[in-house]
PDB file of all heavy atoms in Angstrom:
ATOM      1  N   SER A   1     -15.073 -14.269   9.929  1.00  0.00           N
ATOM      2  CA  SER A   1     -13.839 -15.000   9.900  1.00  0.00           C
ATOM      3  C   SER A   1     -13.553 -15.484   8.571  1.00  0.00           C
ATOM      4  O   SER A   1     -14.498 -15.825   7.765  1.00  0.00           O
ATOM      5  CB  SER A   1     -13.931 -16.251  10.881  1.00  0.00           C
ATOM      6  OG  SER A   1     -13.971 -15.818  12.253  1.00  0.00           O
ATOM      7  N   PRO A   2     -12.211 -15.560   8.074  1.00  0.00           N
ATOM      8  CA  PRO A   2     -11.983 -16.153   6.855  1.00  0.00           C
ATOM      9  C   PRO A   2     -12.463 -17.646   6.777  1.00  0.00           C
ATOM     10  O   PRO A   2     -12.260 -18.328   7.725  1.00  0.00           O
ATOM     11  CB  PRO A   2     -10.306 -16.170   6.778  1.00  0.00           C
ATOM     12  CG  PRO A   2     -10.025 -15.047   7.752  1.00  0.00           C
ATOM     13  CD  PRO A   2     -11.062 -15.043   8.792  1.00  0.00           C
ATOM     14  N   VAL A   3     -12.949 -17.985   5.619  1.00  0.00           N
ATOM     15  CA  VAL A   3     -13.497 -19.367   5.490  1.00  0.00           C
ATOM     16  C   VAL A   3     -12.720 -20.110   4.398  1.00  0.00           C
ATOM     17  O   VAL A   3     -12.040 -19.383   3.608  1.00  0.00           O
ATOM     18  CB  VAL A   3     -14.983 -19.291   5.112  1.00  0.00           C
ATOM     19  CG1 VAL A   3     -15.969 -18.857   6.279  1.00  0.00           C
ATOM     20  CG2 VAL A   3     -15.244 -18.560   3.890  1.00  0.00           C
ATOM     21  N   THR A   4     -12.747 -21.458   4.491  1.00  0.00           N
ATOM     22  CA  THR A   4     -11.978 -22.178   3.524  1.00  0.00           C
ATOM     23  C   THR A   4     -12.968 -22.781   2.469  1.00  0.00           C
ATOM     24  O   THR A   4     -14.141 -22.530   2.654  1.00  0.00           O
ATOM     25  CB  THR A   4     -11.235 -23.336   4.217  1.00  0.00           C
ATOM     26  OG1 THR A   4     -12.200 -24.189   4.980  1.00  0.00           O
ATOM     27  CG2 THR A   4     -10.290 -22.861   5.320  1.00  0.00           C
ATOM     28  N   SER A   5     -12.424 -23.518   1.485  1.00  0.00           N
ATOM     29  CA  SER A   5     -13.283 -24.174   0.575  1.00  0.00           C
ATOM     30  C   SER A   5     -12.652 -25.473   0.126  1.00  0.00           C
ATOM     31  O   SER A   5     -11.533 -25.861   0.496  1.00  0.00           O
ATOM     32  CB  SER A   5     -13.460 -23.219  -0.665  1.00  0.00           C
ATOM     33  OG  SER A   5     -12.265 -23.044  -1.349  1.00  0.00           O
ATOM     34  N   SER A   6     -13.196 -26.040  -0.956  1.00  0.00           N
ATOM     35  CA  SER A   6     -12.621 -27.233  -1.476  1.00  0.00           C
ATOM     36  C   SER A   6     -11.270 -27.061  -2.168  1.00  0.00           C
ATOM     37  O   SER A   6     -10.541 -28.095  -2.315  1.00  0.00           O
ATOM     38  CB  SER A   6     -13.553 -27.899  -2.466  1.00  0.00           C
ATOM     39  OG  SER A   6     -13.842 -27.093  -3.540  1.00  0.00           O
ATOM     40  N   ILE A   7     -11.041 -25.820  -2.521  1.00  0.00           N
ATOM     41  CA  ILE A   7      -9.769 -25.480  -3.252  1.00  0.00           C
ATOM     42  C   ILE A   7      -8.872 -24.665  -2.377  1.00  0.00           C
ATOM     43  O   ILE A   7      -7.636 -24.273  -2.779  1.00  0.00           O
ATOM     44  CB  ILE A   7      -9.926 -24.802  -4.565  1.00  0.00           C
ATOM     45  CG1 ILE A   7     -10.657 -23.474  -4.476  1.00  0.00           C
ATOM     46  CG2 ILE A   7     -10.726 -25.658  -5.506  1.00  0.00           C
ATOM     47  CD1 ILE A   7     -10.651 -22.697  -5.771  1.00  0.00           C
ATOM     48  N   GLN A   8      -9.239 -24.266  -1.127  1.00  0.00           N
ATOM     49  CA  GLN A   8      -8.343 -23.527  -0.247  1.00  0.00           C
ATOM     50  C   GLN A   8      -8.620 -24.036   1.249  1.00  0.00           C
ATOM     51  O   GLN A   8      -9.614 -23.776   1.867  1.00  0.00           O
ATOM     52  CB  GLN A   8      -8.651 -22.007  -0.352  1.00  0.00           C
ATOM     53  CG  GLN A   8      -7.942 -21.213   0.687  1.00  0.00           C
ATOM     54  CD  GLN A   8      -6.485 -21.186   0.401  1.00  0.00           C
ATOM     55  OE1 GLN A   8      -5.952 -21.199  -0.729  1.00  0.00           O
ATOM     56  NE2 GLN A   8      -5.605 -21.019   1.442  1.00  0.00           N
ATOM     57  N   ASN A   9      -7.712 -24.944   1.587  1.00  0.00           N
ATOM     58  CA  ASN A   9      -7.999 -25.714   2.868  1.00  0.00           C
ATOM     59  C   ASN A   9      -7.465 -25.047   4.108  1.00  0.00           C
ATOM     60  O   ASN A   9      -7.593 -25.658   5.109  1.00  0.00           O
ATOM     61  CB  ASN A   9      -7.442 -27.178   2.750  1.00  0.00           C
ATOM     62  CG  ASN A   9      -5.961 -27.261   2.436  1.00  0.00           C
ATOM     63  OD1 ASN A   9      -5.269 -26.207   2.589  1.00  0.00           O
ATOM     64  ND2 ASN A   9      -5.471 -28.329   1.998  1.00  0.00           N
ATOM     65  N   THR A  10      -6.846 -23.898   3.960  1.00  0.00           N
ATOM     66  CA  THR A  10      -6.456 -23.060   5.116  1.00  0.00           C
ATOM     67  C   THR A  10      -6.989 -21.658   5.083  1.00  0.00           C
ATOM     68  O   THR A  10      -7.158 -21.198   4.026  1.00  0.00           O
ATOM     69  CB  THR A  10      -4.815 -23.063   5.325  1.00  0.00           C
ATOM     70  OG1 THR A  10      -4.338 -22.459   4.041  1.00  0.00           O
ATOM     71  CG2 THR A  10      -4.214 -24.386   5.572  1.00  0.00           C
ATOM     72  N   PRO A  11      -7.263 -21.146   6.199  1.00  0.00           N
ATOM     73  CA  PRO A  11      -7.833 -19.742   6.156  1.00  0.00           C
ATOM     74  C   PRO A  11      -6.872 -18.758   5.557  1.00  0.00           C
ATOM     75  O   PRO A  11      -5.633 -18.931   5.826  1.00  0.00           O
ATOM     76  CB  PRO A  11      -8.063 -19.437   7.622  1.00  0.00           C
ATOM     77  CG  PRO A  11      -8.285 -20.744   8.308  1.00  0.00           C
ATOM     78  CD  PRO A  11      -7.289 -21.576   7.509  1.00  0.00           C
ATOM     79  N   LEU A  12      -7.208 -17.789   4.916  1.00  0.00           N
ATOM     80  CA  LEU A  12      -6.308 -16.854   4.234  1.00  0.00           C
ATOM     81  C   LEU A  12      -6.978 -15.460   4.172  1.00  0.00           C
ATOM     82  O   LEU A  12      -8.195 -15.334   4.102  1.00  0.00           O
ATOM     83  CB  LEU A  12      -6.166 -17.264   2.757  1.00  0.00           C
ATOM     84  CG  LEU A  12      -5.350 -16.381   1.811  1.00  0.00           C
ATOM     85  CD1 LEU A  12      -3.855 -16.250   2.317  1.00  0.00           C
ATOM     86  CD2 LEU A  12      -5.338 -16.818   0.376  1.00  0.00           C
ATOM     87  N   ALA A  13      -6.234 -14.433   4.375  1.00  0.00           N
ATOM     88  CA  ALA A  13      -6.679 -13.128   4.347  1.00  0.00           C
ATOM     89  C   ALA A  13      -5.646 -12.232   3.728  1.00  0.00           C
ATOM     90  O   ALA A  13      -4.477 -12.391   4.012  1.00  0.00           O
ATOM     91  CB  ALA A  13      -7.111 -12.623   5.675  1.00  0.00           C
ATOM     92  N   PRO A  14      -6.065 -11.171   3.017  1.00  0.00           N
ATOM     93  CA  PRO A  14      -5.007 -10.289   2.469  1.00  0.00           C
ATOM     94  C   PRO A  14      -4.350  -9.379   3.659  1.00  0.00           C
ATOM     95  O   PRO A  14      -5.105  -8.858   4.446  1.00  0.00           O
ATOM     96  CB  PRO A  14      -5.775  -9.332   1.467  1.00  0.00           C
ATOM     97  CG  PRO A  14      -7.249  -9.456   1.960  1.00  0.00           C
ATOM     98  CD  PRO A  14      -7.357 -10.749   2.576  1.00  0.00           C
ATOM     99  N   GLY A  15      -3.099  -9.307   3.578  1.00  0.00           N
ATOM    100  CA  GLY A  15      -2.343  -8.593   4.613  1.00  0.00           C
ATOM    101  C   GLY A  15      -1.906  -7.239   4.050  1.00  0.00           C
ATOM    102  O   GLY A  15      -1.865  -7.001   2.831  1.00  0.00           O
ATOM    103  N   HIS A  16      -1.478  -6.445   4.977  1.00  0.00           N
ATOM    104  CA  HIS A  16      -0.938  -5.157   4.615  1.00  0.00           C
ATOM    105  C   HIS A  16       0.529  -4.974   5.017  1.00  0.00           C
ATOM    106  O   HIS A  16       0.962  -5.411   6.107  1.00  0.00           O
ATOM    107  CB  HIS A  16      -1.729  -3.925   5.375  1.00  0.00           C
ATOM    108  CG  HIS A  16      -1.615  -2.657   4.780  1.00  0.00           C
ATOM    109  ND1 HIS A  16      -0.454  -1.865   4.825  1.00  0.00           N
ATOM    110  CD2 HIS A  16      -2.384  -1.840   3.893  1.00  0.00           C
ATOM    111  CE1 HIS A  16      -0.492  -0.752   4.264  1.00  0.00           C
ATOM    112  NE2 HIS A  16      -1.752  -0.678   3.660  1.00  0.00           N
ATOM    113  N   PRO A  17       1.376  -4.391   4.136  1.00  0.00           N
ATOM    114  CA  PRO A  17       2.804  -4.463   4.597  1.00  0.00           C
ATOM    115  C   PRO A  17       3.083  -3.289   5.697  1.00  0.00           C
ATOM    116  O   PRO A  17       4.177  -3.118   6.094  1.00  0.00           O
ATOM    117  CB  PRO A  17       3.537  -3.877   3.104  1.00  0.00           C
ATOM    118  CG  PRO A  17       2.461  -3.262   2.334  1.00  0.00           C
ATOM    119  CD  PRO A  17       1.131  -4.024   2.794  1.00  0.00           C
ATOM    120  N   ARG A  18       2.003  -2.580   6.118  1.00  0.00           N
ATOM    121  CA  ARG A  18       2.079  -1.519   7.139  1.00  0.00           C
ATOM    122  C   ARG A  18       2.776  -0.253   6.723  1.00  0.00           C
ATOM    123  O   ARG A  18       2.848   0.699   7.502  1.00  0.00           O
ATOM    124  CB  ARG A  18       2.781  -2.148   8.377  1.00  0.00           C
ATOM    125  CG  ARG A  18       2.244  -3.494   8.774  1.00  0.00           C
ATOM    126  CD  ARG A  18       0.774  -3.617   8.855  1.00  0.00           C
ATOM    127  NE  ARG A  18       0.343  -3.013  10.062  1.00  0.00           N
ATOM    128  CZ  ARG A  18      -0.989  -2.634  10.202  1.00  0.00           C
ATOM    129  NH1 ARG A  18      -1.903  -2.894   9.401  1.00  0.00           N
ATOM    130  NH2 ARG A  18      -1.428  -1.872  11.307  1.00  0.00           N
ATOM    131  N   VAL A  19       3.186  -0.138   5.558  1.00  0.00           N
ATOM    132  CA  VAL A  19       3.766   1.096   4.992  1.00  0.00           C
ATOM    133  C   VAL A  19       3.121   1.366   3.731  1.00  0.00           C
ATOM    134  O   VAL A  19       2.949   0.395   2.901  1.00  0.00           O
ATOM    135  CB  VAL A  19       5.328   1.024   4.843  1.00  0.00           C
ATOM    136  CG1 VAL A  19       5.758   2.252   4.096  1.00  0.00           C
ATOM    137  CG2 VAL A  19       6.030   0.861   6.175  1.00  0.00           C
ATOM    138  N   THR A  20       2.685   2.596   3.488  1.00  0.00           N
ATOM    139  CA  THR A  20       1.991   2.949   2.167  1.00  0.00           C
ATOM    140  C   THR A  20       2.948   3.931   1.425  1.00  0.00           C
ATOM    141  O   THR A  20       3.349   4.917   2.020  1.00  0.00           O
ATOM    142  CB  THR A  20       0.613   3.528   2.338  1.00  0.00           C
ATOM    143  OG1 THR A  20       0.700   4.680   3.143  1.00  0.00           O
ATOM    144  CG2 THR A  20      -0.277   2.490   3.083  1.00  0.00           C
ATOM    145  N   THR A  21       3.170   3.717   0.158  1.00  0.00           N
ATOM    146  CA  THR A  21       3.735   4.664  -0.623  1.00  0.00           C
ATOM    147  C   THR A  21       2.775   5.685  -1.108  1.00  0.00           C
ATOM    148  O   THR A  21       3.214   6.985  -1.238  1.00  0.00           O
ATOM    149  CB  THR A  21       4.319   4.011  -1.975  1.00  0.00           C
ATOM    150  OG1 THR A  21       3.313   3.330  -2.594  1.00  0.00           O
ATOM    151  CG2 THR A  21       5.484   3.081  -1.612  1.00  0.00           C
ATOM    152  N   GLY A  22       1.599   5.363  -1.308  1.00  0.00           N
ATOM    153  CA  GLY A  22       0.601   6.454  -1.679  1.00  0.00           C
ATOM    154  C   GLY A  22       0.851   7.188  -2.962  1.00  0.00           C
ATOM    155  O   GLY A  22       1.627   6.594  -3.799  1.00  0.00           O
ATOM    156  N   THR A  23       0.291   8.305  -2.964  1.00  0.00           N
ATOM    157  CA  THR A  23       0.650   9.159  -4.188  1.00  0.00           C
ATOM    158  C   THR A  23       1.176  10.351  -3.906  1.00  0.00           C
ATOM    159  O   THR A  23       0.643  11.153  -3.004  1.00  0.00           O
ATOM    160  CB  THR A  23      -0.712   9.471  -4.928  1.00  0.00           C
ATOM    161  OG1 THR A  23      -1.360   8.276  -5.282  1.00  0.00           O
ATOM    162  CG2 THR A  23      -0.507  10.282  -6.101  1.00  0.00           C
ATOM    163  N   PHE A  24       2.483  10.738  -4.278  1.00  0.00           N
ATOM    164  CA  PHE A  24       3.218  11.942  -3.939  1.00  0.00           C
ATOM    165  C   PHE A  24       4.056  12.329  -5.024  1.00  0.00           C
ATOM    166  O   PHE A  24       4.801  11.416  -5.685  1.00  0.00           O
ATOM    167  CB  PHE A  24       4.040  11.711  -2.734  1.00  0.00           C
ATOM    168  CG  PHE A  24       4.851  12.966  -2.236  1.00  0.00           C
ATOM    169  CD1 PHE A  24       4.223  14.001  -1.665  1.00  0.00           C
ATOM    170  CD2 PHE A  24       6.126  13.064  -2.698  1.00  0.00           C
ATOM    171  CE1 PHE A  24       4.954  15.046  -1.278  1.00  0.00           C
ATOM    172  CE2 PHE A  24       6.798  14.213  -2.285  1.00  0.00           C
ATOM    173  CZ  PHE A  24       6.268  15.202  -1.652  1.00  0.00           C
ATOM    174  N   ALA A  25       3.904  13.536  -5.626  1.00  0.00           N
ATOM    175  CA  ALA A  25       4.743  13.989  -6.694  1.00  0.00           C
ATOM    176  C   ALA A  25       5.176  15.393  -6.598  1.00  0.00           C
ATOM    177  O   ALA A  25       4.486  16.245  -5.832  1.00  0.00           O
ATOM    178  CB  ALA A  25       3.799  13.866  -7.982  1.00  0.00           C
ATOM    179  N   ILE A  26       6.308  15.703  -7.163  1.00  0.00           N
ATOM    180  CA  ILE A  26       6.792  17.062  -7.099  1.00  0.00           C
ATOM    181  C   ILE A  26       6.927  17.508  -8.483  1.00  0.00           C
ATOM    182  O   ILE A  26       7.642  16.830  -9.308  1.00  0.00           O
ATOM    183  CB  ILE A  26       8.217  17.117  -6.502  1.00  0.00           C
ATOM    184  CG1 ILE A  26       8.123  16.626  -4.987  1.00  0.00           C
ATOM    185  CG2 ILE A  26       8.742  18.572  -6.320  1.00  0.00           C
ATOM    186  CD1 ILE A  26       9.460  16.428  -4.246  1.00  0.00           C
ATOM    187  N   THR A  27       6.377  18.627  -8.930  1.00  0.00           N
ATOM    188  CA  THR A  27       6.373  19.105 -10.233  1.00  0.00           C
ATOM    189  C   THR A  27       7.585  20.122 -10.427  1.00  0.00           C
ATOM    190  O   THR A  27       8.151  20.476  -9.439  1.00  0.00           O
ATOM    191  CB  THR A  27       4.971  19.790 -10.608  1.00  0.00           C
ATOM    192  OG1 THR A  27       5.070  21.114 -10.078  1.00  0.00           O
ATOM    193  CG2 THR A  27       3.839  19.024 -10.224  1.00  0.00           C
ATOM    194  N   ASN A  28       7.747  20.499 -11.618  1.00  0.00           N
ATOM    195  CA  ASN A  28       8.854  21.424 -11.917  1.00  0.00           C
ATOM    196  C   ASN A  28       8.490  22.880 -11.456  1.00  0.00           C
ATOM    197  O   ASN A  28       9.303  23.851 -11.530  1.00  0.00           O
ATOM    198  CB  ASN A  28       9.291  21.458 -13.411  1.00  0.00           C
ATOM    199  CG  ASN A  28       8.159  21.690 -14.243  1.00  0.00           C
ATOM    200  OD1 ASN A  28       7.027  22.036 -13.876  1.00  0.00           O
ATOM    201  ND2 ASN A  28       8.403  21.656 -15.656  1.00  0.00           N
ATOM    202  N   LYS A  29       7.149  23.068 -10.973  1.00  0.00           N
ATOM    203  CA  LYS A  29       6.880  24.376 -10.443  1.00  0.00           C
ATOM    204  C   LYS A  29       7.186  24.576  -9.004  1.00  0.00           C
ATOM    205  O   LYS A  29       7.060  25.587  -8.417  1.00  0.00           O
ATOM    206  CB  LYS A  29       5.424  24.543 -10.605  1.00  0.00           C
ATOM    207  CG  LYS A  29       4.903  24.282 -12.104  1.00  0.00           C
ATOM    208  CD  LYS A  29       5.437  25.388 -13.014  1.00  0.00           C
ATOM    209  CE  LYS A  29       4.929  25.196 -14.427  1.00  0.00           C
ATOM    210  NZ  LYS A  29       5.494  26.149 -15.284  1.00  0.00           N
ATOM    211  N   CYS A  30       7.583  23.423  -8.298  1.00  0.00           N
ATOM    212  CA  CYS A  30       7.853  23.476  -6.903  1.00  0.00           C
ATOM    213  C   CYS A  30       9.246  24.202  -6.701  1.00  0.00           C
ATOM    214  O   CYS A  30      10.251  23.867  -7.164  1.00  0.00           O
ATOM    215  CB  CYS A  30       8.131  22.068  -6.360  1.00  0.00           C
ATOM    216  SG  CYS A  30       8.482  21.949  -4.618  1.00  0.00           S
ATOM    217  N   LYS A  31       9.254  25.368  -5.892  1.00  0.00           N
ATOM    218  CA  LYS A  31      10.337  26.138  -5.647  1.00  0.00           C
ATOM    219  C   LYS A  31      11.319  25.496  -4.670  1.00  0.00           C
ATOM    220  O   LYS A  31      12.492  25.863  -4.490  1.00  0.00           O
ATOM    221  CB  LYS A  31       9.930  27.423  -5.272  1.00  0.00           C
ATOM    222  CG  LYS A  31       9.195  28.250  -6.337  1.00  0.00           C
ATOM    223  CD  LYS A  31       8.720  29.656  -5.878  1.00  0.00           C
ATOM    224  CE  LYS A  31       7.991  30.483  -6.922  1.00  0.00           C
ATOM    225  NZ  LYS A  31       7.644  31.784  -6.442  1.00  0.00           N
ATOM    226  N   SER A  32      10.870  24.637  -3.835  1.00  0.00           N
ATOM    227  CA  SER A  32      11.645  24.065  -2.713  1.00  0.00           C
ATOM    228  C   SER A  32      11.359  22.535  -2.632  1.00  0.00           C
ATOM    229  O   SER A  32      10.844  21.942  -1.794  1.00  0.00           O
ATOM    230  CB  SER A  32      11.237  24.673  -1.371  1.00  0.00           C
ATOM    231  OG  SER A  32      11.460  26.080  -1.371  1.00  0.00           O
ATOM    232  N   PRO A  33      12.042  21.825  -3.675  1.00  0.00           N
ATOM    233  CA  PRO A  33      11.737  20.362  -3.687  1.00  0.00           C
ATOM    234  C   PRO A  33      12.317  19.619  -2.527  1.00  0.00           C
ATOM    235  O   PRO A  33      11.844  18.651  -2.030  1.00  0.00           O
ATOM    236  CB  PRO A  33      12.434  19.843  -4.943  1.00  0.00           C
ATOM    237  CG  PRO A  33      13.433  21.009  -5.332  1.00  0.00           C
ATOM    238  CD  PRO A  33      12.704  22.279  -4.887  1.00  0.00           C
ATOM    239  N   GLU A  34      13.433  20.231  -1.853  1.00  0.00           N
ATOM    240  CA  GLU A  34      14.026  19.636  -0.673  1.00  0.00           C
ATOM    241  C   GLU A  34      12.972  19.675   0.528  1.00  0.00           C
ATOM    242  O   GLU A  34      12.891  18.745   1.205  1.00  0.00           O
ATOM    243  CB  GLU A  34      15.293  20.367  -0.328  1.00  0.00           C
ATOM    244  CG  GLU A  34      16.372  20.189  -1.354  1.00  0.00           C
ATOM    245  CD  GLU A  34      16.211  21.287  -2.365  1.00  0.00           C
ATOM    246  OE1 GLU A  34      15.344  22.040  -2.390  1.00  0.00           O
ATOM    247  OE2 GLU A  34      17.353  21.432  -3.159  1.00  0.00           O
ATOM    248  N   ALA A  35      12.276  20.879   0.599  1.00  0.00           N
ATOM    249  CA  ALA A  35      11.293  20.912   1.600  1.00  0.00           C
ATOM    250  C   ALA A  35      10.152  20.017   1.414  1.00  0.00           C
ATOM    251  O   ALA A  35       9.564  19.440   2.375  1.00  0.00           O
ATOM    252  CB  ALA A  35      10.861  22.470   1.713  1.00  0.00           C
ATOM    253  N   ALA A  36       9.700  19.892   0.157  1.00  0.00           N
ATOM    254  CA  ALA A  36       8.727  19.003  -0.162  1.00  0.00           C
ATOM    255  C   ALA A  36       8.996  17.471   0.278  1.00  0.00           C
ATOM    256  O   ALA A  36       8.140  16.656   0.710  1.00  0.00           O
ATOM    257  CB  ALA A  36       8.266  19.051  -1.565  1.00  0.00           C
ATOM    258  N   MET A  37      10.310  17.066  -0.004  1.00  0.00           N
ATOM    259  CA  MET A  37      10.771  15.819   0.320  1.00  0.00           C
ATOM    260  C   MET A  37      10.671  15.676   1.885  1.00  0.00           C
ATOM    261  O   MET A  37      10.517  14.601   2.380  1.00  0.00           O
ATOM    262  CB  MET A  37      12.064  15.450  -0.300  1.00  0.00           C
ATOM    263  CG  MET A  37      12.007  15.130  -1.791  1.00  0.00           C
ATOM    264  SD  MET A  37      10.878  13.774  -2.025  1.00  0.00           S
ATOM    265  CE  MET A  37      11.581  12.372  -1.034  1.00  0.00           C
TER     266      MET A  37
END
């Protein structure tokens, strides 16, 4: 469980926005960028 300390008096945990952008790129070699998108 998240623990507190003398400088953090309420439990805290890093959250996730539930959507990831990740890594995705289209180069100029792609013949069908619309399909890639």
